Amino acid sequence: MGWEHTAREKRLAPIGEYRPEVYRVTVHDTFQQARLRAAVYVIHNGMSLPDFLLWCADYVIAHHRQLATVRKVYRKGAREISAAVREPANTTDPVRIDQLREIRRREALEAFSDRAWKIITADREGKP
């Protein structure tokens, strides 16, 4: 694992940990497939269908009224995790500093995940 790989991981996962997970989507209807391909083409020439579906999910999360709580909780979590990573280290060894940052990132991400899920499920339980 070289410098380029590490830089790519940080670019793909700037807040959380780099742990790719594959989501499979099956579209059975050829008409629906054609419609999705046309939407991909119109939005961005060269975008793949999986990229389009992720883009759509991000768009819905960013704009849907019922997901306001999710947006608020995750914005706050991103700030907390970033602050934990930026906290000054008590060493000058660059390797040790990177290790401390990854440990802090992991701990902050785990703490946030527990709190976030409790907040989101509590908010959802109060609604029909």
N, C-alpha and C. Protein backbone atom coordinates (compact mmCIF):
# COMPACT_ATOMS: atom_id res chain seq x y z
N MET A 1 0.85 -1.17 0.00
CA MET A 1 0.00 0.00 0.00
C MET A 1 0.90 1.23 0.00
N GLY A 2 0.86 1.99 -1.09
CA GLY A 2 1.71 3.13 -1.23
C GLY A 2 1.01 4.44 -0.94
N TRP A 3 1.72 5.50 -1.22
CA TRP A 3 1.22 6.84 -0.96
C TRP A 3 -0.05 7.12 -1.77
N GLU A 4 -0.07 6.71 -3.04
CA GLU A 4 -1.23 6.98 -3.89
C GLU A 4 -2.47 6.28 -3.35
N HIS A 5 -2.31 5.06 -2.87
CA HIS A 5 -3.44 4.31 -2.34
C HIS A 5 -3.99 4.98 -1.08
N THR A 6 -3.10 5.42 -0.21
CA THR A 6 -3.51 6.10 1.01
C THR A 6 -4.23 7.41 0.69
N ALA A 7 -3.71 8.16 -0.27
CA ALA A 7 -4.34 9.42 -0.67
C ALA A 7 -5.73 9.15 -1.25
N ARG A 8 -5.85 8.09 -2.03
CA ARG A 8 -7.15 7.74 -2.61
C ARG A 8 -8.15 7.37 -1.52
N GLU A 9 -7.71 6.60 -0.53
CA GLU A 9 -8.59 6.23 0.58
C GLU A 9 -9.07 7.47 1.32
N LYS A 10 -8.17 8.41 1.58
CA LYS A 10 -8.56 9.63 2.30
C LYS A 10 -9.50 10.48 1.47
N ARG A 11 -9.34 10.47 0.15
CA ARG A 11 -10.23 11.24 -0.72
C ARG A 11 -11.61 10.60 -0.76
N LEU A 12 -11.67 9.27 -0.79
CA LEU A 12 -12.95 8.57 -0.87
C LEU A 12 -13.68 8.53 0.47
N ALA A 13 -12.93 8.56 1.57
CA ALA A 13 -13.54 8.53 2.90
C ALA A 13 -12.91 9.62 3.77
N PRO A 14 -13.27 10.89 3.55
CA PRO A 14 -12.62 11.96 4.29
C PRO A 14 -12.99 12.02 5.77
N ILE A 15 -14.16 11.51 6.15
CA ILE A 15 -14.59 11.60 7.54
C ILE A 15 -14.54 10.25 8.23
N GLY A 16 -15.14 9.25 7.61
CA GLY A 16 -15.19 7.92 8.20
C GLY A 16 -14.00 7.08 7.80
N GLU A 17 -14.14 5.78 8.04
CA GLU A 17 -13.09 4.84 7.68
C GLU A 17 -13.31 4.35 6.25
N TYR A 18 -12.24 4.01 5.57
CA TYR A 18 -12.33 3.47 4.21
C TYR A 18 -12.62 1.98 4.32
N ARG A 19 -13.87 1.60 4.10
CA ARG A 19 -14.29 0.21 4.12
C ARG A 19 -15.35 0.03 3.05
N PRO A 20 -14.96 -0.24 1.80
CA PRO A 20 -15.95 -0.33 0.72
C PRO A 20 -16.95 -1.45 0.97
N GLU A 21 -18.20 -1.15 0.61
CA GLU A 21 -19.27 -2.14 0.71
C GLU A 21 -20.06 -2.09 -0.59
N VAL A 22 -20.33 -3.24 -1.16
CA VAL A 22 -21.03 -3.32 -2.43
C VAL A 22 -22.52 -3.48 -2.18
N TYR A 23 -23.31 -2.66 -2.87
CA TYR A 23 -24.77 -2.77 -2.83
C TYR A 23 -25.23 -3.18 -4.22
N ARG A 24 -25.97 -4.26 -4.31
CA ARG A 24 -26.46 -4.72 -5.61
C ARG A 24 -27.90 -4.25 -5.79
N VAL A 25 -28.17 -3.77 -6.97
CA VAL A 25 -29.52 -3.35 -7.33
C VAL A 25 -29.90 -4.08 -8.61
N THR A 26 -31.03 -4.77 -8.58
CA THR A 26 -31.50 -5.47 -9.76
C THR A 26 -32.70 -4.73 -10.32
N VAL A 27 -32.64 -4.41 -11.59
CA VAL A 27 -33.76 -3.77 -12.28
C VAL A 27 -34.22 -4.76 -13.34
N HIS A 28 -35.41 -5.31 -13.17
CA HIS A 28 -35.91 -6.38 -14.04
C HIS A 28 -36.53 -5.86 -15.33
N ASP A 29 -37.23 -4.75 -15.27
CA ASP A 29 -37.98 -4.23 -16.40
C ASP A 29 -37.06 -3.49 -17.37
N THR A 30 -37.09 -3.87 -18.63
CA THR A 30 -36.22 -3.23 -19.61
C THR A 30 -36.60 -1.77 -19.83
N PHE A 31 -37.90 -1.45 -19.69
CA PHE A 31 -38.32 -0.06 -19.82
C PHE A 31 -37.71 0.78 -18.71
N GLN A 32 -37.73 0.26 -17.48
CA GLN A 32 -37.12 0.95 -16.34
C GLN A 32 -35.61 1.08 -16.55
N GLN A 33 -34.98 0.04 -17.06
CA GLN A 33 -33.54 0.10 -17.33
C GLN A 33 -33.23 1.21 -18.32
N ALA A 34 -34.02 1.29 -19.39
CA ALA A 34 -33.81 2.33 -20.40
C ALA A 34 -34.03 3.71 -19.81
N ARG A 35 -35.03 3.85 -18.97
CA ARG A 35 -35.30 5.14 -18.33
C ARG A 35 -34.14 5.57 -17.43
N LEU A 36 -33.59 4.63 -16.67
CA LEU A 36 -32.45 4.95 -15.80
C LEU A 36 -31.23 5.31 -16.64
N ARG A 37 -30.97 4.57 -17.71
CA ARG A 37 -29.83 4.89 -18.58
C ARG A 37 -29.98 6.28 -19.20
N ALA A 38 -31.21 6.62 -19.62
CA ALA A 38 -31.46 7.94 -20.20
C ALA A 38 -31.22 9.04 -19.17
N ALA A 39 -31.65 8.82 -17.94
CA ALA A 39 -31.43 9.80 -16.87
C ALA A 39 -29.94 9.98 -16.60
N VAL A 40 -29.21 8.88 -16.59
CA VAL A 40 -27.76 8.95 -16.39
C VAL A 40 -27.13 9.77 -17.50
N TYR A 41 -27.55 9.53 -18.73
CA TYR A 41 -26.97 10.23 -19.88
C TYR A 41 -27.27 11.73 -19.82
N VAL A 42 -28.50 12.07 -19.45
CA VAL A 42 -28.88 13.48 -19.40
C VAL A 42 -28.16 14.20 -18.27
N ILE A 43 -28.06 13.57 -17.12
CA ILE A 43 -27.42 14.23 -15.97
C ILE A 43 -25.93 14.43 -16.21
N HIS A 44 -25.25 13.38 -16.61
CA HIS A 44 -23.80 13.49 -16.78
C HIS A 44 -23.34 12.41 -17.75
N ASN A 45 -22.85 12.81 -18.88
CA ASN A 45 -22.35 11.85 -19.85
C ASN A 45 -21.13 11.15 -19.29
N GLY A 46 -21.16 9.84 -19.24
CA GLY A 46 -20.04 9.08 -18.71
C GLY A 46 -20.27 8.56 -17.30
N MET A 47 -21.32 9.03 -16.63
CA MET A 47 -21.62 8.55 -15.27
C MET A 47 -22.18 7.13 -15.38
N SER A 48 -21.77 6.28 -14.47
CA SER A 48 -22.29 4.91 -14.48
C SER A 48 -23.62 4.86 -13.73
N LEU A 49 -24.36 3.79 -13.92
CA LEU A 49 -25.63 3.65 -13.23
C LEU A 49 -25.47 3.58 -11.71
N PRO A 50 -24.49 2.83 -11.17
CA PRO A 50 -24.29 2.85 -9.72
C PRO A 50 -23.96 4.26 -9.20
N ASP A 51 -23.12 5.01 -9.95
CA ASP A 51 -22.82 6.38 -9.55
C ASP A 51 -24.08 7.23 -9.53
N PHE A 52 -24.94 7.03 -10.53
CA PHE A 52 -26.20 7.77 -10.61
C PHE A 52 -27.09 7.46 -9.42
N LEU A 53 -27.20 6.19 -9.05
CA LEU A 53 -28.04 5.81 -7.92
C LEU A 53 -27.50 6.39 -6.61
N LEU A 54 -26.19 6.41 -6.45
CA LEU A 54 -25.61 7.05 -5.26
C LEU A 54 -25.86 8.55 -5.27
N TRP A 55 -25.73 9.17 -6.44
CA TRP A 55 -26.01 10.59 -6.57
C TRP A 55 -27.46 10.89 -6.20
N CYS A 56 -28.38 10.04 -6.65
CA CYS A 56 -29.80 10.22 -6.33
C CYS A 56 -30.04 10.10 -4.82
N ALA A 57 -29.41 9.11 -4.20
CA ALA A 57 -29.56 8.93 -2.76
C ALA A 57 -29.04 10.16 -2.02
N ASP A 58 -27.88 10.68 -2.42
CA ASP A 58 -27.34 11.88 -1.79
C ASP A 58 -28.28 13.06 -1.97
N TYR A 59 -28.86 13.17 -3.16
CA TYR A 59 -29.80 14.27 -3.45
C TYR A 59 -31.03 14.18 -2.55
N VAL A 60 -31.58 13.00 -2.41
CA VAL A 60 -32.77 12.82 -1.57
C VAL A 60 -32.43 13.12 -0.11
N ILE A 61 -31.31 12.63 0.37
CA ILE A 61 -30.91 12.91 1.75
C ILE A 61 -30.74 14.41 1.97
N ALA A 62 -30.19 15.09 1.00
CA ALA A 62 -29.95 16.53 1.13
C ALA A 62 -31.22 17.37 1.03
N HIS A 63 -32.27 16.87 0.37
CA HIS A 63 -33.41 17.73 0.09
C HIS A 63 -34.76 17.26 0.63
N HIS A 64 -34.90 16.03 1.03
CA HIS A 64 -36.20 15.52 1.46
C HIS A 64 -36.55 16.05 2.85
N ARG A 65 -37.76 16.53 2.99
CA ARG A 65 -38.21 17.15 4.23
C ARG A 65 -38.15 16.19 5.42
N GLN A 66 -38.53 14.93 5.20
CA GLN A 66 -38.55 13.96 6.31
C GLN A 66 -37.16 13.57 6.78
N LEU A 67 -36.13 13.90 6.02
CA LEU A 67 -34.76 13.53 6.40
C LEU A 67 -34.00 14.69 7.05
N ALA A 68 -34.71 15.72 7.48
CA ALA A 68 -34.06 16.87 8.10
C ALA A 68 -33.28 16.45 9.36
N THR A 69 -33.86 15.55 10.15
CA THR A 69 -33.17 15.09 11.36
C THR A 69 -31.89 14.36 11.01
N VAL A 70 -31.94 13.53 9.98
CA VAL A 70 -30.74 12.80 9.55
C VAL A 70 -29.65 13.78 9.12
N ARG A 71 -30.03 14.79 8.33
CA ARG A 71 -29.05 15.79 7.88
C ARG A 71 -28.42 16.49 9.07
N LYS A 72 -29.24 16.92 10.01
CA LYS A 72 -28.75 17.65 11.18
C LYS A 72 -27.80 16.80 12.01
N VAL A 73 -28.20 15.57 12.29
CA VAL A 73 -27.38 14.68 13.11
C VAL A 73 -26.04 14.39 12.43
N TYR A 74 -26.05 14.13 11.13
CA TYR A 74 -24.81 13.78 10.44
C TYR A 74 -23.91 14.98 10.19
N ARG A 75 -24.48 16.17 10.02
CA ARG A 75 -23.63 17.37 9.93
C ARG A 75 -22.87 17.58 11.23
N LYS A 76 -23.60 17.45 12.34
CA LYS A 76 -22.97 17.60 13.66
C LYS A 76 -21.90 16.51 13.86
N GLY A 77 -22.22 15.29 13.46
CA GLY A 77 -21.26 14.20 13.60
C GLY A 77 -20.00 14.42 12.78
N ALA A 78 -20.16 14.94 11.56
CA ALA A 78 -18.99 15.22 10.71
C ALA A 78 -18.11 16.27 11.37
N ARG A 79 -18.72 17.29 11.97
CA ARG A 79 -17.93 18.31 12.67
C ARG A 79 -17.19 17.71 13.86
N GLU A 80 -17.86 16.86 14.62
CA GLU A 80 -17.24 16.24 15.80
C GLU A 80 -16.07 15.33 15.41
N ILE A 81 -16.28 14.52 14.39
CA ILE A 81 -15.22 13.61 13.95
C ILE A 81 -14.03 14.39 13.40
N SER A 82 -14.30 15.41 12.60
CA SER A 82 -13.22 16.24 12.05
C SER A 82 -12.46 16.96 13.17
N ALA A 83 -13.18 17.43 14.18
CA ALA A 83 -12.52 18.11 15.30
C ALA A 83 -11.63 17.13 16.08
N ALA A 84 -12.10 15.90 16.25
CA ALA A 84 -11.30 14.90 16.96
C ALA A 84 -10.01 14.59 16.21
N VAL A 85 -10.07 14.56 14.89
CA VAL A 85 -8.90 14.26 14.08
C VAL A 85 -7.92 15.44 14.09
N ARG A 86 -8.45 16.67 14.09
CA ARG A 86 -7.60 17.86 14.07
C ARG A 86 -6.97 18.18 15.41
N GLU A 87 -7.42 17.54 16.47
CA GLU A 87 -6.88 17.81 17.80
C GLU A 87 -5.37 17.59 17.79
N PRO A 88 -4.61 18.54 18.38
CA PRO A 88 -3.15 18.43 18.30
C PRO A 88 -2.61 17.18 18.99
N ALA A 89 -1.58 16.62 18.40
CA ALA A 89 -0.93 15.43 18.96
C ALA A 89 0.25 15.87 19.82
N ASN A 90 0.58 15.07 20.81
CA ASN A 90 1.68 15.41 21.71
C ASN A 90 2.99 14.76 21.27
N THR A 91 3.16 14.60 19.98
CA THR A 91 4.39 14.03 19.44
C THR A 91 4.74 14.72 18.13
N THR A 92 6.01 14.60 17.73
CA THR A 92 6.43 15.21 16.47
C THR A 92 6.70 14.15 15.40
N ASP A 93 6.58 12.88 15.76
CA ASP A 93 6.81 11.79 14.82
C ASP A 93 5.62 11.70 13.85
N PRO A 94 5.85 11.93 12.54
CA PRO A 94 4.74 11.96 11.59
C PRO A 94 3.97 10.64 11.51
N VAL A 95 4.66 9.51 11.65
CA VAL A 95 3.98 8.22 11.60
C VAL A 95 3.06 8.07 12.80
N ARG A 96 3.56 8.45 13.96
CA ARG A 96 2.76 8.36 15.19
C ARG A 96 1.56 9.31 15.13
N ILE A 97 1.75 10.48 14.54
CA ILE A 97 0.64 11.44 14.40
C ILE A 97 -0.47 10.84 13.55
N ASP A 98 -0.11 10.20 12.43
CA ASP A 98 -1.12 9.55 11.57
C ASP A 98 -1.84 8.43 12.31
N GLN A 99 -1.09 7.65 13.09
CA GLN A 99 -1.72 6.58 13.86
C GLN A 99 -2.70 7.14 14.89
N LEU A 100 -2.31 8.22 15.57
CA LEU A 100 -3.19 8.85 16.54
C LEU A 100 -4.46 9.38 15.87
N ARG A 101 -4.28 9.98 14.70
CA ARG A 101 -5.45 10.50 13.98
C ARG A 101 -6.42 9.38 13.61
N GLU A 102 -5.89 8.26 13.14
CA GLU A 102 -6.76 7.14 12.77
C GLU A 102 -7.46 6.56 13.99
N ILE A 103 -6.76 6.48 15.12
CA ILE A 103 -7.38 5.99 16.35
C ILE A 103 -8.48 6.94 16.79
N ARG A 104 -8.20 8.24 16.77
CA ARG A 104 -9.21 9.23 17.15
C ARG A 104 -10.40 9.19 16.20
N ARG A 105 -10.13 9.06 14.90
CA ARG A 105 -11.21 8.99 13.92
C ARG A 105 -12.10 7.79 14.20
N ARG A 106 -11.50 6.63 14.44
CA ARG A 106 -12.26 5.41 14.69
C ARG A 106 -13.10 5.54 15.96
N GLU A 107 -12.49 6.07 17.04
CA GLU A 107 -13.21 6.23 18.30
C GLU A 107 -14.37 7.22 18.16
N ALA A 108 -14.11 8.35 17.49
CA ALA A 108 -15.15 9.36 17.31
C ALA A 108 -16.27 8.83 16.42
N LEU A 109 -15.92 8.06 15.40
CA LEU A 109 -16.92 7.48 14.50
C LEU A 109 -17.79 6.47 15.23
N GLU A 110 -17.18 5.64 16.06
CA GLU A 110 -17.96 4.65 16.83
C GLU A 110 -18.89 5.33 17.82
N ALA A 111 -18.38 6.34 18.53
CA ALA A 111 -19.20 7.06 19.50
C ALA A 111 -20.35 7.77 18.79
N PHE A 112 -20.06 8.39 17.65
CA PHE A 112 -21.10 9.08 16.90
C PHE A 112 -22.15 8.11 16.38
N SER A 113 -21.73 6.98 15.87
CA SER A 113 -22.68 6.00 15.31
C SER A 113 -23.69 5.56 16.35
N ASP A 114 -23.22 5.30 17.56
CA ASP A 114 -24.13 4.89 18.63
C ASP A 114 -25.14 5.99 18.96
N ARG A 115 -24.64 7.22 19.14
CA ARG A 115 -25.52 8.34 19.46
C ARG A 115 -26.49 8.64 18.33
N ALA A 116 -25.99 8.64 17.10
CA ALA A 116 -26.82 9.00 15.95
C ALA A 116 -27.98 8.03 15.80
N TRP A 117 -27.71 6.75 15.90
CA TRP A 117 -28.77 5.78 15.72
C TRP A 117 -29.85 5.94 16.78
N LYS A 118 -29.44 6.23 18.02
CA LYS A 118 -30.41 6.44 19.11
C LYS A 118 -31.28 7.66 18.82
N ILE A 119 -30.66 8.74 18.36
CA ILE A 119 -31.41 9.98 18.06
C ILE A 119 -32.38 9.75 16.91
N ILE A 120 -31.91 9.13 15.86
CA ILE A 120 -32.75 8.93 14.67
C ILE A 120 -33.90 7.98 14.96
N THR A 121 -33.63 6.89 15.67
CA THR A 121 -34.72 5.96 15.98
C THR A 121 -35.69 6.56 16.98
N ALA A 122 -35.22 7.35 17.95
CA ALA A 122 -36.11 7.99 18.90
C ALA A 122 -37.00 9.00 18.18
N ASP A 123 -36.45 9.73 17.23
CA ASP A 123 -37.25 10.69 16.46
C ASP A 123 -38.29 9.97 15.62
N ARG A 124 -37.95 8.84 15.07
CA ARG A 124 -38.85 8.07 14.21
C ARG A 124 -39.97 7.41 15.01
N GLU A 125 -39.67 6.97 16.23
CA GLU A 125 -40.67 6.29 17.06
C GLU A 125 -41.79 7.22 17.50
N GLY A 126 -41.51 8.50 17.58
CA GLY A 126 -42.51 9.47 17.97
C GLY A 126 -43.46 9.85 16.85
N LYS A 127 -43.21 9.39 15.63
CA LYS A 127 -44.03 9.76 14.46
C LYS A 127 -44.76 8.53 13.93
N PRO A 128 -45.91 8.75 13.28
CA PRO A 128 -46.67 7.60 12.75
C PRO A 128 -45.99 6.94 11.59
